[in-house]
Amino acid sequence: MKAVVFNKKIELALEILKPRGILVLKSTVAGAKELNLSNLVVNEITLVGSRYGPFPPAIRALENKTVDVKPLISNIFPADKMLQAFERAAEKNTLKVLVDFR
């Protein structure tokens, strides 16, 4: 992703986040970037980096049921209940909400 586009997206996210919001960066960006971080400080935004790990061992663990993910799922909604799914996801103490498109 080009630095200018990346910076504009981050700056937009920082503008629209409510004070004390959380910004999750899910990207691997190489190289140095200039970025105005004043909104991050003024609005006490929490910045969290999220990176994927090695998929093959994770998929094997799921297939072999060595990891139980059920306790992490708060609800599963059918696709026609998308609004309710988003509302549930926004509730306190909700971990993961899944949408079933089958």
N, C-alpha and C. Protein backbone atom coordinates (compact mmCIF):
# COMPACT_ATOMS: atom_id res chain seq x y z
N MET A 1 0.86 -1.17 0.00
CA MET A 1 0.00 0.00 0.00
C MET A 1 0.90 1.23 0.00
N LYS A 2 0.59 2.19 -0.82
CA LYS A 2 1.41 3.40 -0.89
C LYS A 2 1.29 4.18 0.41
N ALA A 3 2.37 4.85 0.79
CA ALA A 3 2.41 5.58 2.06
C ALA A 3 1.31 6.62 2.17
N VAL A 4 1.03 7.35 1.10
CA VAL A 4 0.02 8.42 1.14
C VAL A 4 -1.36 7.84 1.44
N VAL A 5 -1.73 6.76 0.76
CA VAL A 5 -3.03 6.12 0.98
C VAL A 5 -3.11 5.57 2.39
N PHE A 6 -2.07 4.90 2.84
CA PHE A 6 -2.03 4.34 4.19
C PHE A 6 -2.22 5.44 5.22
N ASN A 7 -1.46 6.54 5.08
CA ASN A 7 -1.55 7.65 6.04
C ASN A 7 -2.94 8.25 6.06
N LYS A 8 -3.56 8.43 4.89
CA LYS A 8 -4.89 9.02 4.85
C LYS A 8 -5.92 8.12 5.55
N LYS A 9 -5.79 6.82 5.38
CA LYS A 9 -6.72 5.89 6.02
C LYS A 9 -6.55 5.92 7.54
N ILE A 10 -5.31 5.94 8.00
CA ILE A 10 -5.06 5.98 9.45
C ILE A 10 -5.55 7.31 10.02
N GLU A 11 -5.25 8.41 9.34
CA GLU A 11 -5.69 9.71 9.82
C GLU A 11 -7.21 9.81 9.85
N LEU A 12 -7.89 9.24 8.84
CA LEU A 12 -9.35 9.23 8.84
C LEU A 12 -9.88 8.43 10.02
N ALA A 13 -9.29 7.27 10.26
CA ALA A 13 -9.71 6.44 11.39
C ALA A 13 -9.54 7.21 12.70
N LEU A 14 -8.43 7.91 12.85
CA LEU A 14 -8.18 8.68 14.07
C LEU A 14 -9.17 9.84 14.22
N GLU A 15 -9.62 10.40 13.10
CA GLU A 15 -10.60 11.49 13.15
C GLU A 15 -11.98 11.00 13.58
N ILE A 16 -12.39 9.81 13.11
CA ILE A 16 -13.76 9.37 13.37
C ILE A 16 -13.89 8.52 14.64
N LEU A 17 -12.77 8.07 15.19
CA LEU A 17 -12.84 7.31 16.43
C LEU A 17 -13.29 8.20 17.57
N LYS A 18 -14.13 7.66 18.43
CA LYS A 18 -14.55 8.39 19.62
C LYS A 18 -13.38 8.41 20.61
N PRO A 19 -13.36 9.42 21.48
CA PRO A 19 -12.32 9.44 22.50
C PRO A 19 -12.29 8.12 23.27
N ARG A 20 -11.08 7.65 23.55
CA ARG A 20 -10.81 6.40 24.25
C ARG A 20 -11.17 5.18 23.39
N GLY A 21 -11.30 5.38 22.08
CA GLY A 21 -11.58 4.27 21.18
C GLY A 21 -10.34 3.43 20.96
N ILE A 22 -10.51 2.38 20.18
CA ILE A 22 -9.41 1.45 19.90
C ILE A 22 -9.22 1.36 18.39
N LEU A 23 -8.01 1.57 17.95
CA LEU A 23 -7.65 1.44 16.54
C LEU A 23 -6.78 0.21 16.40
N VAL A 24 -7.24 -0.76 15.60
CA VAL A 24 -6.48 -1.98 15.37
C VAL A 24 -5.85 -1.89 13.99
N LEU A 25 -4.54 -1.94 13.95
CA LEU A 25 -3.81 -1.93 12.68
C LEU A 25 -3.57 -3.36 12.27
N LYS A 26 -4.17 -3.74 11.16
CA LYS A 26 -3.98 -5.08 10.61
C LYS A 26 -3.32 -4.93 9.26
N SER A 27 -2.04 -4.78 9.30
CA SER A 27 -1.32 -4.57 8.05
C SER A 27 0.17 -4.78 8.30
N THR A 28 0.84 -5.19 7.28
CA THR A 28 2.29 -5.24 7.34
C THR A 28 2.78 -4.18 6.37
N VAL A 29 3.28 -3.11 6.94
CA VAL A 29 3.71 -1.98 6.12
C VAL A 29 5.22 -1.85 6.26
N ALA A 30 5.89 -1.90 5.14
CA ALA A 30 7.35 -1.77 5.15
C ALA A 30 7.73 -0.31 4.94
N GLY A 31 8.78 0.08 5.56
CA GLY A 31 9.31 1.42 5.35
C GLY A 31 8.75 2.42 6.35
N ALA A 32 9.41 3.57 6.38
CA ALA A 32 9.03 4.64 7.30
C ALA A 32 7.87 5.45 6.73
N LYS A 33 7.00 5.88 7.61
CA LYS A 33 5.84 6.69 7.22
C LYS A 33 5.76 7.88 8.15
N GLU A 34 5.42 9.04 7.59
CA GLU A 34 5.13 10.20 8.43
C GLU A 34 3.65 10.20 8.71
N LEU A 35 3.30 10.43 9.97
CA LEU A 35 1.91 10.35 10.36
C LEU A 35 1.66 11.30 11.52
N ASN A 36 0.59 12.08 11.44
CA ASN A 36 0.20 12.98 12.50
C ASN A 36 -0.53 12.17 13.57
N LEU A 37 0.06 12.03 14.73
CA LEU A 37 -0.51 11.21 15.79
C LEU A 37 -1.17 12.04 16.89
N SER A 38 -1.41 13.33 16.63
CA SER A 38 -1.98 14.18 17.68
C SER A 38 -3.35 13.68 18.15
N ASN A 39 -4.23 13.23 17.24
CA ASN A 39 -5.54 12.71 17.65
C ASN A 39 -5.39 11.47 18.54
N LEU A 40 -4.37 10.69 18.29
CA LEU A 40 -4.12 9.50 19.09
C LEU A 40 -3.90 9.89 20.56
N VAL A 41 -3.13 10.94 20.77
CA VAL A 41 -2.80 11.38 22.13
C VAL A 41 -3.95 12.17 22.74
N VAL A 42 -4.46 13.16 22.01
CA VAL A 42 -5.50 14.04 22.54
C VAL A 42 -6.75 13.26 22.92
N ASN A 43 -7.14 12.30 22.08
CA ASN A 43 -8.37 11.53 22.33
C ASN A 43 -8.13 10.22 23.06
N GLU A 44 -6.90 10.02 23.54
CA GLU A 44 -6.54 8.82 24.30
C GLU A 44 -6.95 7.54 23.58
N ILE A 45 -6.58 7.47 22.31
CA ILE A 45 -6.88 6.30 21.48
C ILE A 45 -5.88 5.19 21.81
N THR A 46 -6.39 3.98 21.92
CA THR A 46 -5.53 2.82 22.11
C THR A 46 -5.20 2.25 20.74
N LEU A 47 -3.93 2.08 20.48
CA LEU A 47 -3.47 1.53 19.21
C LEU A 47 -3.00 0.10 19.44
N VAL A 48 -3.59 -0.84 18.69
CA VAL A 48 -3.27 -2.25 18.83
C VAL A 48 -2.80 -2.78 17.49
N GLY A 49 -1.69 -3.45 17.49
CA GLY A 49 -1.21 -4.09 16.27
C GLY A 49 -1.73 -5.52 16.22
N SER A 50 -2.15 -5.95 15.06
CA SER A 50 -2.65 -7.31 14.90
C SER A 50 -1.94 -7.95 13.72
N ARG A 51 -1.34 -9.06 13.95
CA ARG A 51 -0.56 -9.72 12.91
C ARG A 51 -0.98 -11.18 12.85
N TYR A 52 -1.03 -11.72 11.67
CA TYR A 52 -1.37 -13.13 11.54
C TYR A 52 -0.12 -13.96 11.79
N GLY A 53 -0.34 -15.16 12.22
CA GLY A 53 0.76 -16.08 12.47
C GLY A 53 0.78 -17.15 11.40
N PRO A 54 1.49 -18.23 11.65
CA PRO A 54 1.57 -19.32 10.67
C PRO A 54 0.23 -20.07 10.59
N PHE A 55 -0.39 -20.06 9.42
CA PHE A 55 -1.70 -20.67 9.26
C PHE A 55 -1.71 -22.19 9.32
N PRO A 56 -0.78 -22.91 8.69
CA PRO A 56 -0.87 -24.37 8.71
C PRO A 56 -0.95 -24.97 10.12
N PRO A 57 -0.10 -24.57 11.08
CA PRO A 57 -0.25 -25.14 12.42
C PRO A 57 -1.58 -24.76 13.09
N ALA A 58 -2.05 -23.55 12.83
CA ALA A 58 -3.33 -23.12 13.41
C ALA A 58 -4.48 -23.94 12.85
N ILE A 59 -4.47 -24.18 11.55
CA ILE A 59 -5.54 -24.97 10.92
C ILE A 59 -5.49 -26.41 11.42
N ARG A 60 -4.27 -26.96 11.57
CA ARG A 60 -4.13 -28.32 12.13
C ARG A 60 -4.70 -28.39 13.54
N ALA A 61 -4.42 -27.38 14.35
CA ALA A 61 -4.92 -27.36 15.73
C ALA A 61 -6.44 -27.31 15.74
N LEU A 62 -7.04 -26.57 14.81
CA LEU A 62 -8.50 -26.54 14.72
C LEU A 62 -9.05 -27.88 14.24
N GLU A 63 -8.40 -28.46 13.23
CA GLU A 63 -8.85 -29.76 12.70
C GLU A 63 -8.75 -30.86 13.76
N ASN A 64 -7.66 -30.84 14.52
CA ASN A 64 -7.43 -31.87 15.54
C ASN A 64 -8.16 -31.58 16.85
N LYS A 65 -8.83 -30.44 16.88
CA LYS A 65 -9.58 -30.01 18.08
C LYS A 65 -8.69 -29.91 19.32
N THR A 66 -7.42 -29.52 19.09
CA THR A 66 -6.53 -29.29 20.22
C THR A 66 -6.74 -27.89 20.81
N VAL A 67 -7.47 -27.08 20.09
CA VAL A 67 -7.84 -25.75 20.58
C VAL A 67 -9.36 -25.66 20.51
N ASP A 68 -9.97 -25.31 21.63
CA ASP A 68 -11.43 -25.17 21.68
C ASP A 68 -11.78 -23.70 21.52
N VAL A 69 -12.33 -23.34 20.37
CA VAL A 69 -12.67 -21.94 20.11
C VAL A 69 -14.10 -21.58 20.51
N LYS A 70 -14.90 -22.58 20.86
CA LYS A 70 -16.31 -22.32 21.19
C LYS A 70 -16.48 -21.28 22.30
N PRO A 71 -15.65 -21.30 23.36
CA PRO A 71 -15.82 -20.29 24.41
C PRO A 71 -15.54 -18.86 23.93
N LEU A 72 -14.88 -18.73 22.80
CA LEU A 72 -14.57 -17.40 22.27
C LEU A 72 -15.73 -16.82 21.45
N ILE A 73 -16.69 -17.65 21.07
CA ILE A 73 -17.80 -17.23 20.21
C ILE A 73 -18.99 -16.86 21.09
N SER A 74 -19.37 -15.59 21.05
CA SER A 74 -20.50 -15.12 21.85
C SER A 74 -21.83 -15.48 21.19
N ASN A 75 -21.91 -15.34 19.87
CA ASN A 75 -23.14 -15.64 19.14
C ASN A 75 -22.83 -15.98 17.70
N ILE A 76 -23.76 -16.70 17.06
CA ILE A 76 -23.72 -16.95 15.62
C ILE A 76 -25.07 -16.49 15.07
N PHE A 77 -25.02 -15.62 14.06
CA PHE A 77 -26.24 -15.10 13.46
C PHE A 77 -26.32 -15.51 12.00
N PRO A 78 -27.52 -15.76 11.48
CA PRO A 78 -27.66 -15.98 10.04
C PRO A 78 -27.43 -14.65 9.31
N ALA A 79 -27.10 -14.74 8.05
CA ALA A 79 -26.76 -13.54 7.28
C ALA A 79 -27.89 -12.52 7.24
N ASP A 80 -29.12 -12.96 7.31
CA ASP A 80 -30.24 -12.01 7.25
C ASP A 80 -30.45 -11.28 8.58
N LYS A 81 -29.63 -11.59 9.58
CA LYS A 81 -29.69 -10.90 10.88
C LYS A 81 -28.40 -10.12 11.13
N MET A 82 -27.84 -9.58 10.06
CA MET A 82 -26.56 -8.87 10.13
C MET A 82 -26.60 -7.69 11.10
N LEU A 83 -27.69 -6.93 11.09
CA LEU A 83 -27.79 -5.77 11.99
C LEU A 83 -27.72 -6.23 13.45
N GLN A 84 -28.45 -7.28 13.79
CA GLN A 84 -28.41 -7.80 15.16
C GLN A 84 -27.01 -8.31 15.51
N ALA A 85 -26.33 -8.88 14.53
CA ALA A 85 -24.97 -9.37 14.76
C ALA A 85 -24.05 -8.20 15.12
N PHE A 86 -24.16 -7.10 14.38
CA PHE A 86 -23.32 -5.93 14.68
C PHE A 86 -23.69 -5.32 16.03
N GLU A 87 -24.97 -5.30 16.34
CA GLU A 87 -25.39 -4.77 17.64
C GLU A 87 -24.84 -5.62 18.78
N ARG A 88 -24.90 -6.93 18.62
CA ARG A 88 -24.37 -7.83 19.64
C ARG A 88 -22.86 -7.67 19.76
N ALA A 89 -22.19 -7.51 18.64
CA ALA A 89 -20.73 -7.35 18.65
C ALA A 89 -20.32 -6.08 19.40
N ALA A 90 -21.17 -5.08 19.40
CA ALA A 90 -20.85 -3.81 20.06
C ALA A 90 -21.10 -3.86 21.57
N GLU A 91 -21.77 -4.90 22.04
CA GLU A 91 -22.08 -5.00 23.47
C GLU A 91 -20.84 -5.34 24.28
N LYS A 92 -20.83 -4.84 25.50
CA LYS A 92 -19.73 -5.11 26.42
C LYS A 92 -19.64 -6.62 26.69
N ASN A 93 -18.44 -7.09 26.85
CA ASN A 93 -18.14 -8.50 27.15
C ASN A 93 -18.41 -9.46 26.00
N THR A 94 -18.63 -8.95 24.80
CA THR A 94 -18.78 -9.81 23.63
C THR A 94 -17.39 -10.08 23.07
N LEU A 95 -17.07 -11.35 22.84
CA LEU A 95 -15.75 -11.67 22.29
C LEU A 95 -15.82 -11.71 20.76
N LYS A 96 -16.49 -12.72 20.21
CA LYS A 96 -16.59 -12.87 18.76
C LYS A 96 -18.04 -13.14 18.39
N VAL A 97 -18.46 -12.51 17.32
CA VAL A 97 -19.79 -12.75 16.76
C VAL A 97 -19.55 -13.24 15.33
N LEU A 98 -20.14 -14.36 15.00
CA LEU A 98 -19.98 -14.92 13.65
C LEU A 98 -21.27 -14.71 12.87
N VAL A 99 -21.10 -14.58 11.56
CA VAL A 99 -22.24 -14.50 10.65
C VAL A 99 -22.17 -15.71 9.73
N ASP A 100 -23.24 -16.48 9.72
CA ASP A 100 -23.30 -17.71 8.93
C ASP A 100 -23.95 -17.39 7.58
N PHE A 101 -23.19 -17.51 6.51
CA PHE A 101 -23.68 -17.20 5.17
C PHE A 101 -24.16 -18.45 4.43
N ARG A 102 -24.18 -19.58 5.08
CA ARG A 102 -24.63 -20.80 4.40
C ARG A 102 -26.12 -20.77 4.14
